[in-house]
């Protein structure tokens, strides 16, 4: 294995064609996870903030907002996980199928990946076949490491779902929020998700700490005091690591971050 050279890196923003018309939207404000620092919840990640409305787009509502004529002008649709997990929407399969049937859109869906069963993900992968990319939120190589931030999600379920979806023809990418507790394993995580079918992995350090603070304390659902610590890696001291997408398809391109990984 060898390090990827700088010219082989892709800036995340460059994944978007400037000549394409892209649409970002949320179709649900529901989420099964309870992530501390999430801006849709309180500080502990346990309760949705009062000012966030309950939104769950139905297939019919989506069709009214986006007619086949409108969809023909859109090149890419990102179904975000900003205010909720898209997979919590009961109509997600039908909405995506409607987009597929009435456009040439490429679709990117952000999810924590712990929702739905393997049979559902297999069918979703068959539907997608090189047009649907799922960005899976995976933050560790063990359950404890992953779920310190991704509270109420099961790592093995996420990995199994990703493997099933990819085997059926879908495209998988991984999004990792880097903290002190998982920074030492970001290379091991790249190896793990590649084995499960991910093509790329994208790292970002959490920036949701108070000014001049490196620790974020929270109470989990069983009442235990826990904390997240800011990563020692950031865009300043490890610019080769963050805001880049690392391609994992070729064996000799795996060792992408050894220089930035804490010894």
C-alpha atoms as a PDB file:
ATOM      1  CA  UNK A   1       0.000   0.000   0.000  1.00  0.00           C
ATOM      2  CA  UNK A   2       1.071   3.589  -0.563  1.00  0.00           C
ATOM      3  CA  UNK A   3      -0.092   7.065   0.223  1.00  0.00           C
ATOM      4  CA  UNK A   4      -2.274   8.797  -2.332  1.00  0.00           C
ATOM      5  CA  UNK A   5      -0.626  11.891  -3.721  1.00  0.00           C
ATOM      6  CA  UNK A   6      -2.295  15.277  -3.339  1.00  0.00           C
ATOM      7  CA  UNK A   7      -3.345  15.366  -6.970  1.00  0.00           C
ATOM      8  CA  UNK A   8      -5.287  12.131  -6.438  1.00  0.00           C
ATOM      9  CA  UNK A   9      -7.407  13.696  -3.723  1.00  0.00           C
ATOM     10  CA  UNK A  10     -10.832  14.986  -4.552  1.00  0.00           C
ATOM     11  CA  UNK A  11     -12.127  17.993  -2.717  1.00  0.00           C
ATOM     12  CA  UNK A  12     -15.636  17.177  -1.513  1.00  0.00           C
ATOM     13  CA  UNK A  13     -17.097  20.218  -3.254  1.00  0.00           C
ATOM     14  CA  UNK A  14     -15.567  19.110  -6.534  1.00  0.00           C
ATOM     15  CA  UNK A  15     -17.784  16.037  -6.511  1.00  0.00           C
ATOM     16  CA  UNK A  16     -20.495  18.388  -7.737  1.00  0.00           C
ATOM     17  CA  UNK A  17     -20.486  19.321 -11.399  1.00  0.00           C
ATOM     18  CA  UNK A  18     -20.905  23.092 -11.559  1.00  0.00           C
ATOM     19  CA  UNK A  19     -22.943  22.652 -14.729  1.00  0.00           C
ATOM     20  CA  UNK A  20     -25.443  20.380 -12.999  1.00  0.00           C
ATOM     21  CA  UNK A  21     -28.646  21.521 -11.350  1.00  0.00           C
ATOM     22  CA  UNK A  22     -28.603  19.971  -7.870  1.00  0.00           C
ATOM     23  CA  UNK A  23     -31.399  19.936  -5.322  1.00  0.00           C
ATOM     24  CA  UNK A  24     -30.969  19.417  -1.573  1.00  0.00           C
ATOM     25  CA  UNK A  25     -34.035  18.515   0.458  1.00  0.00           C
ATOM     26  CA  UNK A  26     -35.190  16.897   3.674  1.00  0.00           C
ATOM     27  CA  UNK A  27     -38.244  14.633   3.532  1.00  0.00           C
ATOM     28  CA  UNK A  28     -38.503  13.876   7.253  1.00  0.00           C
ATOM     29  CA  UNK A  29     -37.704  15.484  10.590  1.00  0.00           C
ATOM     30  CA  UNK A  30     -37.898  12.138  12.393  1.00  0.00           C
ATOM     31  CA  UNK A  31     -34.767  10.268  13.444  1.00  0.00           C
ATOM     32  CA  UNK A  32     -34.165   7.043  15.346  1.00  0.00           C
ATOM     33  CA  UNK A  33     -30.707   8.115  16.542  1.00  0.00           C
ATOM     34  CA  UNK A  34     -30.028  10.314  19.558  1.00  0.00           C
ATOM     35  CA  UNK A  35     -26.765  11.997  18.683  1.00  0.00           C
ATOM     36  CA  UNK A  36     -25.437  14.595  21.119  1.00  0.00           C
ATOM     37  CA  UNK A  37     -24.471  17.817  19.314  1.00  0.00           C
ATOM     38  CA  UNK A  38     -27.179  17.240  16.672  1.00  0.00           C
ATOM     39  CA  UNK A  39     -28.875  20.557  15.927  1.00  0.00           C
ATOM     40  CA  UNK A  40     -32.321  18.935  15.679  1.00  0.00           C
ATOM     41  CA  UNK A  41     -32.249  17.887  19.340  1.00  0.00           C
ATOM     42  CA  UNK A  42     -31.447  19.206  22.772  1.00  0.00           C
ATOM     43  CA  UNK A  43     -27.863  19.133  24.059  1.00  0.00           C
ATOM     44  CA  UNK A  44     -28.171  15.488  25.121  1.00  0.00           C
ATOM     45  CA  UNK A  45     -29.621  14.356  21.813  1.00  0.00           C
ATOM     46  CA  UNK A  46     -32.696  12.978  23.563  1.00  0.00           C
ATOM     47  CA  UNK A  47     -35.486  15.394  22.590  1.00  0.00           C
ATOM     48  CA  UNK A  48     -36.335  17.159  19.341  1.00  0.00           C
ATOM     49  CA  UNK A  49     -36.103  20.934  19.721  1.00  0.00           C
ATOM     50  CA  UNK A  50     -39.510  22.593  20.054  1.00  0.00           C
ATOM     51  CA  UNK A  51     -39.107  24.940  17.110  1.00  0.00           C
ATOM     52  CA  UNK A  52     -38.512  22.148  14.583  1.00  0.00           C
ATOM     53  CA  UNK A  53     -41.817  21.186  12.920  1.00  0.00           C
ATOM     54  CA  UNK A  54     -42.796  17.574  12.367  1.00  0.00           C
ATOM     55  CA  UNK A  55     -42.418  16.933   8.639  1.00  0.00           C
ATOM     56  CA  UNK A  56     -42.997  13.677   6.797  1.00  0.00           C
ATOM     57  CA  UNK A  57     -43.429  14.132   3.065  1.00  0.00           C
ATOM     58  CA  UNK A  58     -45.812  11.643   1.504  1.00  0.00           C
ATOM     59  CA  UNK A  59     -45.402  10.338  -2.033  1.00  0.00           C
ATOM     60  CA  UNK A  60     -48.400  12.379  -3.155  1.00  0.00           C
ATOM     61  CA  UNK A  61     -47.015  15.571  -1.624  1.00  0.00           C
ATOM     62  CA  UNK A  62     -43.703  14.959  -3.334  1.00  0.00           C
ATOM     63  CA  UNK A  63     -45.393  14.392  -6.697  1.00  0.00           C
ATOM     64  CA  UNK A  64     -47.271  17.682  -6.364  1.00  0.00           C
ATOM     65  CA  UNK A  65     -44.067  19.564  -5.555  1.00  0.00           C
ATOM     66  CA  UNK A  66     -41.977  17.864  -8.231  1.00  0.00           C
ATOM     67  CA  UNK A  67     -43.851  16.991 -11.403  1.00  0.00           C
ATOM     68  CA  UNK A  68     -42.186  14.841 -14.073  1.00  0.00           C
ATOM     69  CA  UNK A  69     -41.702  18.026 -16.098  1.00  0.00           C
ATOM     70  CA  UNK A  70     -39.842  19.663 -13.198  1.00  0.00           C
ATOM     71  CA  UNK A  71     -37.731  16.604 -12.496  1.00  0.00           C
ATOM     72  CA  UNK A  72     -36.454  16.504 -16.072  1.00  0.00           C
ATOM     73  CA  UNK A  73     -34.519  19.718 -15.392  1.00  0.00           C
ATOM     74  CA  UNK A  74     -32.774  18.374 -12.274  1.00  0.00           C
ATOM     75  CA  UNK A  75     -29.510  16.447 -12.580  1.00  0.00           C
ATOM     76  CA  UNK A  76     -28.930  15.462  -8.977  1.00  0.00           C
ATOM     77  CA  UNK A  77     -31.050  15.231  -5.834  1.00  0.00           C
ATOM     78  CA  UNK A  78     -29.483  15.012  -2.383  1.00  0.00           C
ATOM     79  CA  UNK A  79     -31.965  13.698   0.182  1.00  0.00           C
ATOM     80  CA  UNK A  80     -30.288  15.066   3.277  1.00  0.00           C
ATOM     81  CA  UNK A  81     -30.197  13.966   6.861  1.00  0.00           C
ATOM     82  CA  UNK A  82     -29.894  17.510   8.189  1.00  0.00           C
ATOM     83  CA  UNK A  83     -33.155  17.620  10.152  1.00  0.00           C
ATOM     84  CA  UNK A  84     -34.009  13.930  10.267  1.00  0.00           C
ATOM     85  CA  UNK A  85     -33.110  10.581   8.752  1.00  0.00           C
ATOM     86  CA  UNK A  86     -34.690  10.045   5.306  1.00  0.00           C
ATOM     87  CA  UNK A  87     -35.130   6.351   6.035  1.00  0.00           C
ATOM     88  CA  UNK A  88     -37.632   7.252   8.741  1.00  0.00           C
ATOM     89  CA  UNK A  89     -40.016   8.371   6.004  1.00  0.00           C
ATOM     90  CA  UNK A  90     -42.388   5.467   5.344  1.00  0.00           C
ATOM     91  CA  UNK A  91     -42.661   6.490   1.661  1.00  0.00           C
ATOM     92  CA  UNK A  92     -38.921   6.747   0.955  1.00  0.00           C
ATOM     93  CA  UNK A  93     -38.913   3.776  -1.439  1.00  0.00           C
ATOM     94  CA  UNK A  94     -41.892   5.087  -3.430  1.00  0.00           C
ATOM     95  CA  UNK A  95     -40.507   8.638  -3.546  1.00  0.00           C
ATOM     96  CA  UNK A  96     -37.154   7.463  -4.858  1.00  0.00           C
ATOM     97  CA  UNK A  97     -38.816   5.148  -7.392  1.00  0.00           C
ATOM     98  CA  UNK A  98     -40.916   8.072  -8.623  1.00  0.00           C
ATOM     99  CA  UNK A  99     -37.743  10.131  -9.136  1.00  0.00           C
ATOM    100  CA  UNK A 100     -36.064   7.226 -10.931  1.00  0.00           C
ATOM    101  CA  UNK A 101     -39.048   6.635 -13.227  1.00  0.00           C
ATOM    102  CA  UNK A 102     -39.472  10.277 -14.190  1.00  0.00           C
ATOM    103  CA  UNK A 103     -35.958  11.645 -14.516  1.00  0.00           C
ATOM    104  CA  UNK A 104     -32.327  10.876 -15.129  1.00  0.00           C
ATOM    105  CA  UNK A 105     -31.395  12.228 -11.710  1.00  0.00           C
ATOM    106  CA  UNK A 106     -28.580  10.814  -9.694  1.00  0.00           C
ATOM    107  CA  UNK A 107     -29.700  10.472  -6.087  1.00  0.00           C
ATOM    108  CA  UNK A 108     -27.621  10.758  -2.905  1.00  0.00           C
ATOM    109  CA  UNK A 109     -29.233   9.768   0.396  1.00  0.00           C
ATOM    110  CA  UNK A 110     -27.688  10.466   3.800  1.00  0.00           C
ATOM    111  CA  UNK A 111     -28.593   8.045   6.596  1.00  0.00           C
ATOM    112  CA  UNK A 112     -27.318   6.510   9.812  1.00  0.00           C
ATOM    113  CA  UNK A 113     -28.165   3.215   8.113  1.00  0.00           C
ATOM    114  CA  UNK A 114     -29.561   1.388  11.129  1.00  0.00           C
ATOM    115  CA  UNK A 115     -33.152   1.514   9.899  1.00  0.00           C
ATOM    116  CA  UNK A 116     -34.880  -1.128   7.723  1.00  0.00           C
ATOM    117  CA  UNK A 117     -33.939  -4.783   7.324  1.00  0.00           C
ATOM    118  CA  UNK A 118     -31.678  -6.574   4.861  1.00  0.00           C
ATOM    119  CA  UNK A 119     -34.540  -7.552   2.561  1.00  0.00           C
ATOM    120  CA  UNK A 120     -35.571  -3.910   2.219  1.00  0.00           C
ATOM    121  CA  UNK A 121     -32.010  -2.785   1.509  1.00  0.00           C
ATOM    122  CA  UNK A 122     -31.591  -5.507  -1.114  1.00  0.00           C
ATOM    123  CA  UNK A 123     -34.668  -4.265  -2.984  1.00  0.00           C
ATOM    124  CA  UNK A 124     -33.485  -0.691  -2.636  1.00  0.00           C
ATOM    125  CA  UNK A 125     -30.112  -1.636  -4.106  1.00  0.00           C
ATOM    126  CA  UNK A 126     -31.815  -3.315  -7.057  1.00  0.00           C
ATOM    127  CA  UNK A 127     -33.857  -0.165  -7.604  1.00  0.00           C
ATOM    128  CA  UNK A 128     -30.779   2.033  -7.542  1.00  0.00           C
ATOM    129  CA  UNK A 129     -28.279   0.182  -9.711  1.00  0.00           C
ATOM    130  CA  UNK A 130     -25.608   2.861 -10.152  1.00  0.00           C
ATOM    131  CA  UNK A 131     -27.984   5.835  -9.837  1.00  0.00           C
ATOM    132  CA  UNK A 132     -28.546   5.768  -6.073  1.00  0.00           C
ATOM    133  CA  UNK A 133     -25.671   6.504  -3.713  1.00  0.00           C
ATOM    134  CA  UNK A 134     -26.165   6.081   0.021  1.00  0.00           C
ATOM    135  CA  UNK A 135     -23.904   8.014   2.381  1.00  0.00           C
ATOM    136  CA  UNK A 136     -23.697   5.904   5.560  1.00  0.00           C
ATOM    137  CA  UNK A 137     -22.812   7.585   8.859  1.00  0.00           C
ATOM    138  CA  UNK A 138     -20.225   5.342  10.530  1.00  0.00           C
ATOM    139  CA  UNK A 139     -18.090   6.683  13.350  1.00  0.00           C
ATOM    140  CA  UNK A 140     -16.059   3.769  14.660  1.00  0.00           C
ATOM    141  CA  UNK A 141     -14.782   0.240  14.252  1.00  0.00           C
ATOM    142  CA  UNK A 142     -16.499  -1.061  17.398  1.00  0.00           C
ATOM    143  CA  UNK A 143     -20.002  -0.598  18.742  1.00  0.00           C
ATOM    144  CA  UNK A 144     -18.793   1.438  21.731  1.00  0.00           C
ATOM    145  CA  UNK A 145     -16.676   3.690  19.546  1.00  0.00           C
ATOM    146  CA  UNK A 146     -19.394   4.178  16.943  1.00  0.00           C
ATOM    147  CA  UNK A 147     -22.301   4.740  19.317  1.00  0.00           C
ATOM    148  CA  UNK A 148     -20.644   7.211  21.665  1.00  0.00           C
ATOM    149  CA  UNK A 149     -21.805   9.787  19.132  1.00  0.00           C
ATOM    150  CA  UNK A 150     -24.326   7.762  17.056  1.00  0.00           C
ATOM    151  CA  UNK A 151     -26.429   6.942  20.093  1.00  0.00           C
ATOM    152  CA  UNK A 152     -29.155   4.310  19.598  1.00  0.00           C
ATOM    153  CA  UNK A 153     -27.689   2.885  16.400  1.00  0.00           C
ATOM    154  CA  UNK A 154     -26.182  -0.576  15.976  1.00  0.00           C
ATOM    155  CA  UNK A 155     -22.894  -0.704  14.065  1.00  0.00           C
ATOM    156  CA  UNK A 156     -23.249  -4.297  12.891  1.00  0.00           C
ATOM    157  CA  UNK A 157     -26.720  -3.578  11.517  1.00  0.00           C
ATOM    158  CA  UNK A 158     -25.349  -0.594   9.604  1.00  0.00           C
ATOM    159  CA  UNK A 159     -22.482  -2.623   8.143  1.00  0.00           C
ATOM    160  CA  UNK A 160     -24.802  -5.486   7.174  1.00  0.00           C
ATOM    161  CA  UNK A 161     -27.265  -3.097   5.525  1.00  0.00           C
ATOM    162  CA  UNK A 162     -24.490  -1.385   3.586  1.00  0.00           C
ATOM    163  CA  UNK A 163     -23.088  -4.705   2.415  1.00  0.00           C
ATOM    164  CA  UNK A 164     -26.523  -5.889   1.280  1.00  0.00           C
ATOM    165  CA  UNK A 165     -27.363  -2.648  -0.517  1.00  0.00           C
ATOM    166  CA  UNK A 166     -24.014  -2.610  -2.324  1.00  0.00           C
ATOM    167  CA  UNK A 167     -24.236  -6.274  -3.324  1.00  0.00           C
ATOM    168  CA  UNK A 168     -27.596  -5.541  -4.951  1.00  0.00           C
ATOM    169  CA  UNK A 169     -26.112  -2.803  -7.120  1.00  0.00           C
ATOM    170  CA  UNK A 170     -26.255   0.367  -5.026  1.00  0.00           C
ATOM    171  CA  UNK A 171     -23.303   2.696  -4.484  1.00  0.00           C
ATOM    172  CA  UNK A 172     -22.053   3.217  -0.934  1.00  0.00           C
ATOM    173  CA  UNK A 173     -20.021   6.026   0.591  1.00  0.00           C
ATOM    174  CA  UNK A 174     -19.201   6.610   4.259  1.00  0.00           C
ATOM    175  CA  UNK A 175     -19.296   9.825   6.274  1.00  0.00           C
ATOM    176  CA  UNK A 176     -17.328   9.895   9.531  1.00  0.00           C
ATOM    177  CA  UNK A 177     -17.363  12.563  12.222  1.00  0.00           C
ATOM    178  CA  UNK A 178     -13.940  12.571  13.858  1.00  0.00           C
ATOM    179  CA  UNK A 179     -13.493  13.005  17.604  1.00  0.00           C
ATOM    180  CA  UNK A 180     -10.611  12.191  19.932  1.00  0.00           C
ATOM    181  CA  UNK A 181     -12.104   8.793  20.790  1.00  0.00           C
ATOM    182  CA  UNK A 182     -12.120   7.559  17.171  1.00  0.00           C
ATOM    183  CA  UNK A 183      -9.278   9.470  15.504  1.00  0.00           C
ATOM    184  CA  UNK A 184      -6.759   6.676  16.085  1.00  0.00           C
ATOM    185  CA  UNK A 185      -8.893   4.229  14.077  1.00  0.00           C
ATOM    186  CA  UNK A 186      -9.781   6.231  10.984  1.00  0.00           C
ATOM    187  CA  UNK A 187      -7.436   4.128   8.861  1.00  0.00           C
ATOM    188  CA  UNK A 188      -8.858   0.895  10.299  1.00  0.00           C
ATOM    189  CA  UNK A 189     -12.339   2.230   9.607  1.00  0.00           C
ATOM    190  CA  UNK A 190     -11.442   2.801   5.953  1.00  0.00           C
ATOM    191  CA  UNK A 191     -10.355  -0.847   5.712  1.00  0.00           C
ATOM    192  CA  UNK A 192     -13.517  -2.069   7.434  1.00  0.00           C
ATOM    193  CA  UNK A 193     -15.992  -0.199   5.254  1.00  0.00           C
ATOM    194  CA  UNK A 194     -14.127  -1.145   2.095  1.00  0.00           C
ATOM    195  CA  UNK A 195     -14.653  -4.806   3.007  1.00  0.00           C
ATOM    196  CA  UNK A 196     -18.378  -4.084   3.247  1.00  0.00           C
ATOM    197  CA  UNK A 197     -18.540  -2.492  -0.189  1.00  0.00           C
ATOM    198  CA  UNK A 198     -17.975   1.236   0.356  1.00  0.00           C
ATOM    199  CA  UNK A 199     -16.277   3.021  -2.522  1.00  0.00           C
ATOM    200  CA  UNK A 200     -15.349   6.205  -0.673  1.00  0.00           C
ATOM    201  CA  UNK A 201     -14.979   7.583   2.831  1.00  0.00           C
ATOM    202  CA  UNK A 202     -15.280  11.231   3.837  1.00  0.00           C
ATOM    203  CA  UNK A 203     -13.997  12.632   7.135  1.00  0.00           C
ATOM    204  CA  UNK A 204     -15.026  15.788   8.967  1.00  0.00           C
ATOM    205  CA  UNK A 205     -14.033  16.895  12.487  1.00  0.00           C
ATOM    206  CA  UNK A 206     -16.898  17.962  14.720  1.00  0.00           C
ATOM    207  CA  UNK A 207     -17.109  21.746  14.948  1.00  0.00           C
ATOM    208  CA  UNK A 208     -19.959  21.780  17.460  1.00  0.00           C
ATOM    209  CA  UNK A 209     -17.920  22.558  20.522  1.00  0.00           C
ATOM    210  CA  UNK A 210     -18.297  25.818  22.393  1.00  0.00           C
ATOM    211  CA  UNK A 211     -15.620  28.390  21.748  1.00  0.00           C
ATOM    212  CA  UNK A 212     -12.365  27.548  23.517  1.00  0.00           C
ATOM    213  CA  UNK A 213     -13.815  24.230  24.686  1.00  0.00           C
ATOM    214  CA  UNK A 214     -12.507  20.796  23.763  1.00  0.00           C
ATOM    215  CA  UNK A 215     -15.063  18.741  25.694  1.00  0.00           C
ATOM    216  CA  UNK A 216     -18.818  18.289  25.276  1.00  0.00           C
ATOM    217  CA  UNK A 217     -20.665  16.706  28.199  1.00  0.00           C
ATOM    218  CA  UNK A 218     -24.074  15.078  27.858  1.00  0.00           C
ATOM    219  CA  UNK A 219     -26.449  12.758  29.692  1.00  0.00           C
ATOM    220  CA  UNK A 220     -27.370   9.588  27.795  1.00  0.00           C
ATOM    221  CA  UNK A 221     -30.815   7.962  27.854  1.00  0.00           C
ATOM    222  CA  UNK A 222     -30.008   5.861  30.939  1.00  0.00           C
ATOM    223  CA  UNK A 223     -28.879   8.925  32.849  1.00  0.00           C
ATOM    224  CA  UNK A 224     -25.108   8.423  32.634  1.00  0.00           C
ATOM    225  CA  UNK A 225     -22.778  11.398  32.231  1.00  0.00           C
ATOM    226  CA  UNK A 226     -20.644  11.018  29.111  1.00  0.00           C
ATOM    227  CA  UNK A 227     -18.521  13.325  27.025  1.00  0.00           C
ATOM    228  CA  UNK A 228     -17.129  13.832  23.558  1.00  0.00           C
ATOM    229  CA  UNK A 229     -13.680  15.354  23.086  1.00  0.00           C
ATOM    230  CA  UNK A 230     -12.499  17.423  20.177  1.00  0.00           C
ATOM    231  CA  UNK A 231     -10.131  15.639  17.829  1.00  0.00           C
ATOM    232  CA  UNK A 232      -6.490  16.641  17.875  1.00  0.00           C
ATOM    233  CA  UNK A 233      -6.707  16.518  14.084  1.00  0.00           C
ATOM    234  CA  UNK A 234      -8.270  19.416  12.248  1.00  0.00           C
ATOM    235  CA  UNK A 235      -8.173  21.291   8.957  1.00  0.00           C
ATOM    236  CA  UNK A 236      -5.136  23.275  10.158  1.00  0.00           C
ATOM    237  CA  UNK A 237      -2.748  20.537  11.247  1.00  0.00           C
ATOM    238  CA  UNK A 238      -4.080  17.788   8.950  1.00  0.00           C
ATOM    239  CA  UNK A 239      -5.364  19.488   5.786  1.00  0.00           C
ATOM    240  CA  UNK A 240      -4.630  16.347   3.778  1.00  0.00           C
ATOM    241  CA  UNK A 241      -7.258  14.488   5.786  1.00  0.00           C
ATOM    242  CA  UNK A 242     -10.366  16.639   5.994  1.00  0.00           C
ATOM    243  CA  UNK A 243     -12.827  17.856   3.401  1.00  0.00           C
ATOM    244  CA  UNK A 244     -11.519  15.250   1.006  1.00  0.00           C
ATOM    245  CA  UNK A 245     -13.133  12.087  -0.278  1.00  0.00           C
ATOM    246  CA  UNK A 246     -10.843   9.069  -0.283  1.00  0.00           C
ATOM    247  CA  UNK A 247     -11.499   6.469  -2.946  1.00  0.00           C
ATOM    248  CA  UNK A 248     -11.205   2.918  -1.682  1.00  0.00           C
ATOM    249  CA  UNK A 249     -11.750   0.877  -4.837  1.00  0.00           C
ATOM    250  CA  UNK A 250      -8.094   0.161  -5.629  1.00  0.00           C
ATOM    251  CA  UNK A 251      -5.988  -1.768  -3.152  1.00  0.00           C
ATOM    252  CA  UNK A 252      -2.977   0.505  -3.492  1.00  0.00           C
ATOM    253  CA  UNK A 253      -5.079   3.564  -2.677  1.00  0.00           C
ATOM    254  CA  UNK A 254      -6.088   2.441   0.786  1.00  0.00           C
ATOM    255  CA  UNK A 255      -3.269   3.933   2.797  1.00  0.00           C
ATOM    256  CA  UNK A 256      -4.564   7.438   2.359  1.00  0.00           C
ATOM    257  CA  UNK A 257      -4.220   8.914   5.804  1.00  0.00           C
ATOM    258  CA  UNK A 258      -1.243   7.422   7.584  1.00  0.00           C
ATOM    259  CA  UNK A 259       0.570  10.750   7.760  1.00  0.00           C
ATOM    260  CA  UNK A 260      -2.391  12.312   9.543  1.00  0.00           C
ATOM    261  CA  UNK A 261      -3.162   9.413  11.838  1.00  0.00           C
ATOM    262  CA  UNK A 262      -1.975   9.889  15.445  1.00  0.00           C
ATOM    263  CA  UNK A 263       0.886   7.597  16.327  1.00  0.00           C
END
